[in-house]
Amino acid sequence: WEVMRPSRNRRWGHPAMIALIEKLARDAQADGWPGLLVGDVSQPRGGPMTTGHASHQIGLDADIWLTPMPRRPLTMAQRESMSATLMVDEKTHLVKDALWTPSHTRLLKRAASYPEVERILVNPGIKKKLCDTVTGDRSWLRKIRPFWGHDYHFHMRIGCQAGSPGCKAQEATPADDGCGKPLAWWFTEEPWRPNKNPDAPKARDLMTMANLPKECQAVLAAPDAPSLEAVTYQGDGAAAVAAAKSKATEPAETISSDAATLPAAASSFAPTPKIGIPVPRPRPGN
């Protein structure tokens, strides 16, 4: 895996999410996918982003590009500037057949196979492509949910984690494959012209600082994020911190290039801080 747009500093997540991304990277590679390009996860302290994400606020969501990782490692400049592949025709809302491969289907099926994954948001055209082409076991399609955007990447969401009593679980997905009337709605004019229908769902619900619950305000008012000395590692902690310090000028995710000499917790996208963020999360309806 490689973290894209590292300057955004949105590679932080709940330990369960970071572990899941790394597991998906290994499993997907075994399935024939060359590697994950990871987009937004969350900010170090969570909370709303300047681009208006209503989710991605407490580290339980991650964006995975639908562009396979190139054969050679990307430079930092390339990770900042490389464009993701637009998989959907913006006029027809259908997948570009020349770009879609069986590997894309296998990647989404693998992600949906994990019990901790509650739903995966994709562009409606991608959902339709899966509905039209998947044979055999289709039970995993119920987790694939159509939503605005998500034509360059898919959005993987896990459920509330232990120790987060304020986290409100989202309604379970329907038991069917989701390929019937609800999907057909996305291929009418209504979803794409919401200004003409005030009752239509909104594509983006903006979260502002004023809307944050008190638990979030406490996190933002806390002292600065922990230093390397305050980070808990598994295994030989002293050696891990010393190794991490030697790379202090490098982005945190590049530490994993020395995975053979670092314990598992140090090879994540960023060291896991001791602070937790057990707060409710606004969740889009799908």
C-alpha atoms as a PDB file:
ATOM      1  CA  TRP A   1       0.000   0.000   0.000  1.00  0.00           C
ATOM      2  CA  GLU A   2       0.976   3.627  -0.473  1.00  0.00           C
ATOM      3  CA  VAL A   3      -0.675   6.662   1.104  1.00  0.00           C
ATOM      4  CA  MET A   4      -1.765   9.263  -1.436  1.00  0.00           C
ATOM      5  CA  ARG A   5      -1.806  13.032  -0.813  1.00  0.00           C
ATOM      6  CA  PRO A   6       0.338  12.650   2.340  1.00  0.00           C
ATOM      7  CA  SER A   7       0.473  16.430   2.854  1.00  0.00           C
ATOM      8  CA  ARG A   8      -3.211  16.352   3.828  1.00  0.00           C
ATOM      9  CA  ASN A   9      -2.273  14.369   6.950  1.00  0.00           C
ATOM     10  CA  ARG A  10      -5.447  12.288   6.737  1.00  0.00           C
ATOM     11  CA  ARG A  11      -3.821   8.879   7.148  1.00  0.00           C
ATOM     12  CA  TRP A  12      -4.890   8.406  10.779  1.00  0.00           C
ATOM     13  CA  GLY A  13      -7.481   5.868  11.837  1.00  0.00           C
ATOM     14  CA  HIS A  14      -8.768   3.666  14.608  1.00  0.00           C
ATOM     15  CA  PRO A  15      -6.279   0.796  15.111  1.00  0.00           C
ATOM     16  CA  ALA A  16      -8.936  -1.608  13.828  1.00  0.00           C
ATOM     17  CA  MET A  17      -9.196   0.368  10.576  1.00  0.00           C
ATOM     18  CA  ILE A  18      -5.432   0.591  10.064  1.00  0.00           C
ATOM     19  CA  ALA A  19      -5.132  -3.163  10.632  1.00  0.00           C
ATOM     20  CA  LEU A  20      -7.978  -3.773   8.172  1.00  0.00           C
ATOM     21  CA  ILE A  21      -6.363  -1.671   5.434  1.00  0.00           C
ATOM     22  CA  GLU A  22      -3.105  -3.571   5.798  1.00  0.00           C
ATOM     23  CA  LYS A  23      -4.974  -6.900   5.767  1.00  0.00           C
ATOM     24  CA  LEU A  24      -6.878  -5.892   2.634  1.00  0.00           C
ATOM     25  CA  ALA A  25      -3.604  -4.895   0.968  1.00  0.00           C
ATOM     26  CA  ARG A  26      -2.149  -8.364   1.603  1.00  0.00           C
ATOM     27  CA  ASP A  27      -5.298 -10.289   0.699  1.00  0.00           C
ATOM     28  CA  ALA A  28      -5.966  -8.231  -2.430  1.00  0.00           C
ATOM     29  CA  GLN A  29      -2.411  -8.789  -3.618  1.00  0.00           C
ATOM     30  CA  ALA A  30      -2.993 -12.523  -3.292  1.00  0.00           C
ATOM     31  CA  ASP A  31      -6.109 -12.011  -5.433  1.00  0.00           C
ATOM     32  CA  GLY A  32      -4.049 -10.317  -8.154  1.00  0.00           C
ATOM     33  CA  TRP A  33      -4.413  -6.632  -7.196  1.00  0.00           C
ATOM     34  CA  PRO A  34      -0.901  -5.090  -7.213  1.00  0.00           C
ATOM     35  CA  GLY A  35      -1.360  -2.898  -4.146  1.00  0.00           C
ATOM     36  CA  LEU A  36      -3.617  -0.307  -2.525  1.00  0.00           C
ATOM     37  CA  LEU A  37      -3.461   3.433  -3.065  1.00  0.00           C
ATOM     38  CA  VAL A  38      -4.979   4.810   0.143  1.00  0.00           C
ATOM     39  CA  GLY A  39      -6.810   8.138   0.190  1.00  0.00           C
ATOM     40  CA  ASP A  40      -8.460   9.844   3.151  1.00  0.00           C
ATOM     41  CA  VAL A  41      -8.832   7.978   6.431  1.00  0.00           C
ATOM     42  CA  SER A  42      -9.072  10.655   9.137  1.00  0.00           C
ATOM     43  CA  GLN A  43      -7.150  13.554  10.643  1.00  0.00           C
ATOM     44  CA  PRO A  44      -4.969  13.031  13.746  1.00  0.00           C
ATOM     45  CA  ARG A  45      -7.743  14.318  16.002  1.00  0.00           C
ATOM     46  CA  GLY A  46     -10.635  13.529  13.727  1.00  0.00           C
ATOM     47  CA  GLY A  47     -13.285  16.155  13.168  1.00  0.00           C
ATOM     48  CA  PRO A  48     -14.587  17.871  10.034  1.00  0.00           C
ATOM     49  CA  MET A  49     -12.347  18.480   7.045  1.00  0.00           C
ATOM     50  CA  THR A  50     -12.098  21.587   4.924  1.00  0.00           C
ATOM     51  CA  THR A  51     -13.495  19.643   1.957  1.00  0.00           C
ATOM     52  CA  GLY A  52     -16.745  18.904   3.799  1.00  0.00           C
ATOM     53  CA  HIS A  53     -16.542  15.203   4.567  1.00  0.00           C
ATOM     54  CA  ALA A  54     -19.507  14.347   6.790  1.00  0.00           C
ATOM     55  CA  SER A  55     -17.852  11.032   7.626  1.00  0.00           C
ATOM     56  CA  HIS A  56     -14.118  10.263   8.041  1.00  0.00           C
ATOM     57  CA  GLN A  57     -14.274  11.993  11.427  1.00  0.00           C
ATOM     58  CA  ILE A  58     -13.280   9.344  13.968  1.00  0.00           C
ATOM     59  CA  GLY A  59     -11.164   6.953  11.958  1.00  0.00           C
ATOM     60  CA  LEU A  60     -13.786   4.348  11.013  1.00  0.00           C
ATOM     61  CA  ASP A  61     -13.848   5.206   7.294  1.00  0.00           C
ATOM     62  CA  ALA A  62     -11.193   4.861   4.588  1.00  0.00           C
ATOM     63  CA  ASP A  63     -11.060   5.732   0.895  1.00  0.00           C
ATOM     64  CA  ILE A  64      -9.287   3.243  -1.391  1.00  0.00           C
ATOM     65  CA  TRP A  65      -8.489   4.290  -4.938  1.00  0.00           C
ATOM     66  CA  LEU A  66      -9.818   2.196  -7.809  1.00  0.00           C
ATOM     67  CA  THR A  67      -6.472   2.803  -9.511  1.00  0.00           C
ATOM     68  CA  PRO A  68      -4.078  -0.119  -8.987  1.00  0.00           C
ATOM     69  CA  MET A  69      -0.701   0.654  -7.470  1.00  0.00           C
ATOM     70  CA  PRO A  70       1.993   1.049 -10.159  1.00  0.00           C
ATOM     71  CA  ARG A  71       4.732  -1.563 -10.411  1.00  0.00           C
ATOM     72  CA  ARG A  72       7.409   0.788  -9.093  1.00  0.00           C
ATOM     73  CA  PRO A  73       7.117   2.790  -5.861  1.00  0.00           C
ATOM     74  CA  LEU A  74       5.793   6.311  -6.293  1.00  0.00           C
ATOM     75  CA  THR A  75       7.893   9.275  -5.267  1.00  0.00           C
ATOM     76  CA  MET A  76       6.499  11.711  -2.712  1.00  0.00           C
ATOM     77  CA  ALA A  77       5.884  14.183  -5.544  1.00  0.00           C
ATOM     78  CA  GLN A  78       3.959  11.565  -7.519  1.00  0.00           C
ATOM     79  CA  ARG A  79       1.830  10.673  -4.500  1.00  0.00           C
ATOM     80  CA  GLU A  80       0.894  14.340  -4.211  1.00  0.00           C
ATOM     81  CA  SER A  81       0.146  14.906  -7.904  1.00  0.00           C
ATOM     82  CA  MET A  82      -0.874  11.617  -9.496  1.00  0.00           C
ATOM     83  CA  SER A  83      -4.526  11.596 -10.563  1.00  0.00           C
ATOM     84  CA  ALA A  84      -6.908   8.765  -9.760  1.00  0.00           C
ATOM     85  CA  THR A  85      -8.715   7.106 -12.667  1.00  0.00           C
ATOM     86  CA  LEU A  86     -12.280   8.234 -13.327  1.00  0.00           C
ATOM     87  CA  MET A  87     -14.137   4.943 -13.715  1.00  0.00           C
ATOM     88  CA  VAL A  88     -17.590   6.307 -14.599  1.00  0.00           C
ATOM     89  CA  ASP A  89     -18.978   8.316 -17.511  1.00  0.00           C
ATOM     90  CA  GLU A  90     -20.226  11.532 -15.937  1.00  0.00           C
ATOM     91  CA  LYS A  91     -23.091  11.859 -18.433  1.00  0.00           C
ATOM     92  CA  THR A  92     -24.484   8.329 -18.421  1.00  0.00           C
ATOM     93  CA  HIS A  93     -23.375   7.442 -14.861  1.00  0.00           C
ATOM     94  CA  LEU A  94     -22.261   4.066 -16.211  1.00  0.00           C
ATOM     95  CA  VAL A  95     -18.871   2.417 -15.767  1.00  0.00           C
ATOM     96  CA  LYS A  96     -16.365   2.874 -18.576  1.00  0.00           C
ATOM     97  CA  ASP A  97     -16.121  -0.707 -19.788  1.00  0.00           C
ATOM     98  CA  ALA A  98     -12.613  -0.194 -21.171  1.00  0.00           C
ATOM     99  CA  LEU A  99     -11.347   0.510 -17.643  1.00  0.00           C
ATOM    100  CA  TRP A 100     -13.260  -2.046 -15.579  1.00  0.00           C
ATOM    101  CA  THR A 101     -11.565  -5.397 -14.987  1.00  0.00           C
ATOM    102  CA  PRO A 102     -12.357  -8.582 -13.040  1.00  0.00           C
ATOM    103  CA  SER A 103      -9.670  -7.434 -10.598  1.00  0.00           C
ATOM    104  CA  HIS A 104     -11.858  -4.497  -9.575  1.00  0.00           C
ATOM    105  CA  THR A 105     -14.679  -6.899  -8.794  1.00  0.00           C
ATOM    106  CA  ARG A 106     -12.367  -9.161  -6.782  1.00  0.00           C
ATOM    107  CA  LEU A 107     -11.044  -6.186  -4.799  1.00  0.00           C
ATOM    108  CA  LEU A 108     -14.524  -5.030  -3.811  1.00  0.00           C
ATOM    109  CA  LYS A 109     -15.634  -8.577  -3.020  1.00  0.00           C
ATOM    110  CA  ARG A 110     -12.595  -9.072  -0.785  1.00  0.00           C
ATOM    111  CA  ALA A 111     -13.258  -5.806   1.063  1.00  0.00           C
ATOM    112  CA  ALA A 112     -16.916  -6.719   1.553  1.00  0.00           C
ATOM    113  CA  SER A 113     -15.974 -10.177   2.841  1.00  0.00           C
ATOM    114  CA  TYR A 114     -14.636  -8.891   6.159  1.00  0.00           C
ATOM    115  CA  PRO A 115     -17.252  -9.078   8.918  1.00  0.00           C
ATOM    116  CA  GLU A 116     -16.117  -5.779  10.438  1.00  0.00           C
ATOM    117  CA  VAL A 117     -16.923  -3.925   7.194  1.00  0.00           C
ATOM    118  CA  GLU A 118     -20.505  -2.664   7.421  1.00  0.00           C
ATOM    119  CA  ARG A 119     -20.818  -1.044   4.028  1.00  0.00           C
ATOM    120  CA  ILE A 120     -18.813   0.079   1.009  1.00  0.00           C
ATOM    121  CA  LEU A 121     -19.895   3.216  -0.820  1.00  0.00           C
ATOM    122  CA  VAL A 122     -19.402   3.296  -4.592  1.00  0.00           C
ATOM    123  CA  ASN A 123     -20.696   5.315  -7.513  1.00  0.00           C
ATOM    124  CA  PRO A 124     -24.126   4.030  -8.652  1.00  0.00           C
ATOM    125  CA  GLY A 125     -22.592   3.046 -11.982  1.00  0.00           C
ATOM    126  CA  ILE A 126     -20.139   0.755 -10.214  1.00  0.00           C
ATOM    127  CA  LYS A 127     -22.951  -0.836  -8.226  1.00  0.00           C
ATOM    128  CA  LYS A 128     -24.857  -1.430 -11.473  1.00  0.00           C
ATOM    129  CA  LYS A 129     -21.792  -2.975 -13.106  1.00  0.00           C
ATOM    130  CA  LEU A 130     -21.520  -5.430 -10.219  1.00  0.00           C
ATOM    131  CA  CYS A 131     -25.242  -6.191 -10.313  1.00  0.00           C
ATOM    132  CA  ASP A 132     -25.019  -6.921 -14.038  1.00  0.00           C
ATOM    133  CA  THR A 133     -21.889  -9.075 -13.963  1.00  0.00           C
ATOM    134  CA  VAL A 134     -21.501 -10.887 -10.626  1.00  0.00           C
ATOM    135  CA  THR A 135     -22.563 -14.539 -10.772  1.00  0.00           C
ATOM    136  CA  GLY A 136     -22.663 -17.238  -8.138  1.00  0.00           C
ATOM    137  CA  ASP A 137     -22.568 -15.896  -4.583  1.00  0.00           C
ATOM    138  CA  ARG A 138     -24.089 -12.415  -4.627  1.00  0.00           C
ATOM    139  CA  SER A 139     -24.661 -12.057  -0.887  1.00  0.00           C
ATOM    140  CA  TRP A 140     -21.750  -9.646  -0.516  1.00  0.00           C
ATOM    141  CA  LEU A 141     -23.431  -7.164  -2.874  1.00  0.00           C
ATOM    142  CA  ARG A 142     -25.713  -6.034  -0.047  1.00  0.00           C
ATOM    143  CA  LYS A 143     -22.740  -4.212   1.488  1.00  0.00           C
ATOM    144  CA  ILE A 144     -22.015  -2.339  -1.756  1.00  0.00           C
ATOM    145  CA  ARG A 145     -24.083   0.847  -1.483  1.00  0.00           C
ATOM    146  CA  PRO A 146     -24.541   3.455  -4.249  1.00  0.00           C
ATOM    147  CA  PHE A 147     -23.790   7.046  -3.290  1.00  0.00           C
ATOM    148  CA  TRP A 148     -22.820  10.320  -4.919  1.00  0.00           C
ATOM    149  CA  GLY A 149     -19.180  10.651  -5.933  1.00  0.00           C
ATOM    150  CA  HIS A 150     -17.004   7.593  -5.346  1.00  0.00           C
ATOM    151  CA  ASP A 151     -16.210   7.303  -9.041  1.00  0.00           C
ATOM    152  CA  TYR A 152     -12.432   7.359  -8.456  1.00  0.00           C
ATOM    153  CA  HIS A 153     -12.401   5.362  -5.221  1.00  0.00           C
ATOM    154  CA  PHE A 154     -14.521   3.265  -2.890  1.00  0.00           C
ATOM    155  CA  HIS A 155     -15.315   4.161   0.705  1.00  0.00           C
ATOM    156  CA  MET A 156     -14.904   1.365   3.259  1.00  0.00           C
ATOM    157  CA  ARG A 157     -16.644   1.728   6.624  1.00  0.00           C
ATOM    158  CA  ILE A 158     -16.351  -0.360   9.768  1.00  0.00           C
ATOM    159  CA  GLY A 159     -18.767  -0.338  12.693  1.00  0.00           C
ATOM    160  CA  CYS A 160     -18.540   1.108  16.190  1.00  0.00           C
ATOM    161  CA  GLN A 161     -15.626  -0.309  18.142  1.00  0.00           C
ATOM    162  CA  ALA A 162     -15.386  -1.554  21.721  1.00  0.00           C
ATOM    163  CA  GLY A 163     -14.695   1.199  24.215  1.00  0.00           C
ATOM    164  CA  SER A 164     -16.660   3.818  22.264  1.00  0.00           C
ATOM    165  CA  PRO A 165     -19.982   4.043  24.141  1.00  0.00           C
ATOM    166  CA  GLY A 166     -20.955   7.287  22.400  1.00  0.00           C
ATOM    167  CA  CYS A 167     -20.695   5.803  18.905  1.00  0.00           C
ATOM    168  CA  LYS A 168     -24.129   5.262  17.383  1.00  0.00           C
ATOM    169  CA  ALA A 169     -24.462   2.221  15.134  1.00  0.00           C
ATOM    170  CA  GLN A 170     -25.764   2.786  11.632  1.00  0.00           C
ATOM    171  CA  GLU A 171     -28.846   0.966  10.410  1.00  0.00           C
ATOM    172  CA  ALA A 172     -27.987  -2.415   8.878  1.00  0.00           C
ATOM    173  CA  THR A 173     -28.032  -2.779   5.114  1.00  0.00           C
ATOM    174  CA  PRO A 174     -31.038  -4.623   3.582  1.00  0.00           C
ATOM    175  CA  ALA A 175     -30.725  -8.389   3.254  1.00  0.00           C
ATOM    176  CA  ASP A 176     -31.105  -8.429  -0.549  1.00  0.00           C
ATOM    177  CA  ASP A 177     -28.425  -7.622  -3.127  1.00  0.00           C
ATOM    178  CA  GLY A 178     -29.598  -4.015  -3.584  1.00  0.00           C
ATOM    179  CA  CYS A 179     -29.950  -4.388  -7.342  1.00  0.00           C
ATOM    180  CA  GLY A 180     -33.661  -3.603  -7.642  1.00  0.00           C
ATOM    181  CA  LYS A 181     -35.730  -0.420  -7.498  1.00  0.00           C
ATOM    182  CA  PRO A 182     -33.470   1.515  -5.095  1.00  0.00           C
ATOM    183  CA  LEU A 183     -30.623   1.199  -7.611  1.00  0.00           C
ATOM    184  CA  ALA A 184     -32.863   2.108 -10.557  1.00  0.00           C
ATOM    185  CA  TRP A 185     -33.649   5.422  -8.813  1.00  0.00           C
ATOM    186  CA  TRP A 186     -30.055   6.507  -9.318  1.00  0.00           C
ATOM    187  CA  PHE A 187     -30.519   6.332 -13.088  1.00  0.00           C
ATOM    188  CA  THR A 188     -33.354   8.830 -13.147  1.00  0.00           C
ATOM    189  CA  GLU A 189     -32.895  12.610 -13.167  1.00  0.00           C
ATOM    190  CA  GLU A 190     -33.981  13.035  -9.568  1.00  0.00           C
ATOM    191  CA  PRO A 191     -30.712  12.236  -7.746  1.00  0.00           C
ATOM    192  CA  TRP A 192     -28.679  14.507  -9.996  1.00  0.00           C
ATOM    193  CA  ARG A 193     -30.943  17.579  -9.856  1.00  0.00           C
ATOM    194  CA  PRO A 194     -31.628  17.971  -6.126  1.00  0.00           C
ATOM    195  CA  ASN A 195     -32.209  21.717  -6.383  1.00  0.00           C
ATOM    196  CA  LYS A 196     -35.458  20.978  -8.219  1.00  0.00           C
ATOM    197  CA  ASN A 197     -36.613  18.598  -5.526  1.00  0.00           C
ATOM    198  CA  PRO A 198     -36.162  19.970  -1.984  1.00  0.00           C
ATOM    199  CA  ASP A 199     -37.142  16.599  -0.505  1.00  0.00           C
ATOM    200  CA  ALA A 200     -34.368  14.701  -2.315  1.00  0.00           C
ATOM    201  CA  PRO A 201     -31.475  13.439  -0.159  1.00  0.00           C
ATOM    202  CA  LYS A 202     -28.459  15.712  -0.008  1.00  0.00           C
ATOM    203  CA  ALA A 203     -25.209  14.540  -1.543  1.00  0.00           C
ATOM    204  CA  ARG A 204     -23.181  16.163   1.210  1.00  0.00           C
ATOM    205  CA  ASP A 205     -24.122  17.081   4.767  1.00  0.00           C
ATOM    206  CA  LEU A 206     -21.571  19.574   6.032  1.00  0.00           C
ATOM    207  CA  MET A 207     -20.327  19.334   9.606  1.00  0.00           C
ATOM    208  CA  THR A 208     -19.044  22.559  11.159  1.00  0.00           C
ATOM    209  CA  MET A 209     -17.079  23.125  14.343  1.00  0.00           C
ATOM    210  CA  ALA A 210     -20.211  24.499  16.016  1.00  0.00           C
ATOM    211  CA  ASN A 211     -22.019  21.197  15.411  1.00  0.00           C
ATOM    212  CA  LEU A 212     -19.434  19.051  17.175  1.00  0.00           C
ATOM    213  CA  PRO A 213     -20.492  17.172  20.309  1.00  0.00           C
ATOM    214  CA  LYS A 214     -18.824  18.069  23.595  1.00  0.00           C
ATOM    215  CA  GLU A 215     -16.570  15.003  23.413  1.00  0.00           C
ATOM    216  CA  CYS A 216     -15.028  16.347  20.212  1.00  0.00           C
ATOM    217  CA  GLN A 217     -14.573  19.798  21.691  1.00  0.00           C
ATOM    218  CA  ALA A 218     -12.609  18.187  24.535  1.00  0.00           C
ATOM    219  CA  VAL A 219     -10.312  16.450  22.059  1.00  0.00           C
ATOM    220  CA  LEU A 220      -9.629  19.664  20.162  1.00  0.00           C
ATOM    221  CA  ALA A 221      -8.940  21.550  23.393  1.00  0.00           C
ATOM    222  CA  ALA A 222      -6.421  18.940  24.558  1.00  0.00           C
ATOM    223  CA  PRO A 223      -2.640  19.502  24.375  1.00  0.00           C
ATOM    224  CA  ASP A 224      -0.749  18.842  21.170  1.00  0.00           C
ATOM    225  CA  ALA A 225      -0.703  15.337  19.715  1.00  0.00           C
ATOM    226  CA  PRO A 226       1.695  12.948  21.473  1.00  0.00           C
ATOM    227  CA  SER A 227       5.355  12.925  20.539  1.00  0.00           C
ATOM    228  CA  LEU A 228       7.222   9.774  19.561  1.00  0.00           C
ATOM    229  CA  GLU A 229       8.128   9.271  23.229  1.00  0.00           C
ATOM    230  CA  ALA A 230       4.423   9.144  24.129  1.00  0.00           C
ATOM    231  CA  VAL A 231       3.545   6.548  21.522  1.00  0.00           C
ATOM    232  CA  THR A 232       2.933   2.962  22.597  1.00  0.00           C
ATOM    233  CA  TYR A 233       4.531   0.277  20.413  1.00  0.00           C
ATOM    234  CA  GLN A 234       4.326  -3.485  20.538  1.00  0.00           C
ATOM    235  CA  GLY A 235       7.500  -5.525  20.896  1.00  0.00           C
ATOM    236  CA  ASP A 236      10.786  -3.761  21.586  1.00  0.00           C
ATOM    237  CA  GLY A 237       9.436  -0.285  22.241  1.00  0.00           C
ATOM    238  CA  ALA A 238      12.787   1.388  22.826  1.00  0.00           C
ATOM    239  CA  ALA A 239      14.213   0.069  19.569  1.00  0.00           C
ATOM    240  CA  ALA A 240      11.063   1.084  17.700  1.00  0.00           C
ATOM    241  CA  VAL A 241      11.134   4.646  19.010  1.00  0.00           C
ATOM    242  CA  ALA A 242      14.850   4.928  18.244  1.00  0.00           C
ATOM    243  CA  ALA A 243      14.266   3.698  14.707  1.00  0.00           C
ATOM    244  CA  ALA A 244      11.314   6.035  14.247  1.00  0.00           C
ATOM    245  CA  LYS A 245      13.324   9.007  15.552  1.00  0.00           C
ATOM    246  CA  SER A 246      16.012   8.296  12.994  1.00  0.00           C
ATOM    247  CA  LYS A 247      13.310   8.808  10.351  1.00  0.00           C
ATOM    248  CA  ALA A 248      11.699  11.814  12.003  1.00  0.00           C
ATOM    249  CA  THR A 249      12.056  13.902   8.859  1.00  0.00           C
ATOM    250  CA  GLU A 250      10.182  11.338   6.751  1.00  0.00           C
ATOM    251  CA  PRO A 251       6.380  10.968   6.508  1.00  0.00           C
ATOM    252  CA  ALA A 252       5.102   8.471   9.061  1.00  0.00           C
ATOM    253  CA  GLU A 253       3.829   6.009   6.491  1.00  0.00           C
ATOM    254  CA  THR A 254       7.299   5.515   4.980  1.00  0.00           C
ATOM    255  CA  ILE A 255       8.475   3.917   8.216  1.00  0.00           C
ATOM    256  CA  SER A 256       6.919   0.697   6.953  1.00  0.00           C
ATOM    257  CA  SER A 257       9.686   0.366   4.370  1.00  0.00           C
ATOM    258  CA  ASP A 258      11.826  -0.895   7.260  1.00  0.00           C
ATOM    259  CA  ALA A 259       9.156  -3.276   8.515  1.00  0.00           C
ATOM    260  CA  ALA A 260      11.681  -6.015   9.150  1.00  0.00           C
ATOM    261  CA  THR A 261      13.296  -3.966  11.919  1.00  0.00           C
ATOM    262  CA  LEU A 262      10.172  -2.392  13.415  1.00  0.00           C
ATOM    263  CA  PRO A 263       7.334  -3.953  15.414  1.00  0.00           C
ATOM    264  CA  ALA A 264       3.887  -4.273  13.851  1.00  0.00           C
ATOM    265  CA  ALA A 265       2.401  -1.186  15.486  1.00  0.00           C
ATOM    266  CA  ALA A 266       5.194   1.014  14.135  1.00  0.00           C
ATOM    267  CA  SER A 267       4.604  -0.049  10.544  1.00  0.00           C
ATOM    268  CA  SER A 268       1.142   1.474  10.337  1.00  0.00           C
ATOM    269  CA  PHE A 269       0.387   4.619   8.370  1.00  0.00           C
ATOM    270  CA  ALA A 270       1.247   6.530  11.535  1.00  0.00           C
ATOM    271  CA  PRO A 271       2.065   5.475  15.117  1.00  0.00           C
ATOM    272  CA  THR A 272      -1.097   4.843  17.104  1.00  0.00           C
ATOM    273  CA  PRO A 273      -1.443   7.545  19.789  1.00  0.00           C
ATOM    274  CA  LYS A 274      -2.713   6.746  23.260  1.00  0.00           C
ATOM    275  CA  ILE A 275      -5.593   9.180  22.942  1.00  0.00           C
ATOM    276  CA  GLY A 276      -8.942   7.757  21.853  1.00  0.00           C
ATOM    277  CA  ILE A 277     -11.878   9.547  20.231  1.00  0.00           C
ATOM    278  CA  PRO A 278     -15.030   7.683  21.360  1.00  0.00           C
ATOM    279  CA  VAL A 279     -17.582  10.107  19.953  1.00  0.00           C
ATOM    280  CA  PRO A 280     -20.761   9.825  17.864  1.00  0.00           C
ATOM    281  CA  ARG A 281     -20.225  10.069  14.149  1.00  0.00           C
ATOM    282  CA  PRO A 282     -22.629  11.649  11.653  1.00  0.00           C
ATOM    283  CA  ARG A 283     -23.380   8.981   9.050  1.00  0.00           C
ATOM    284  CA  PRO A 284     -24.858   9.521   5.570  1.00  0.00           C
ATOM    285  CA  GLY A 285     -28.096   7.611   5.071  1.00  0.00           C
ATOM    286  CA  ASN A 286     -26.736   4.938   2.740  1.00  0.00           C
END
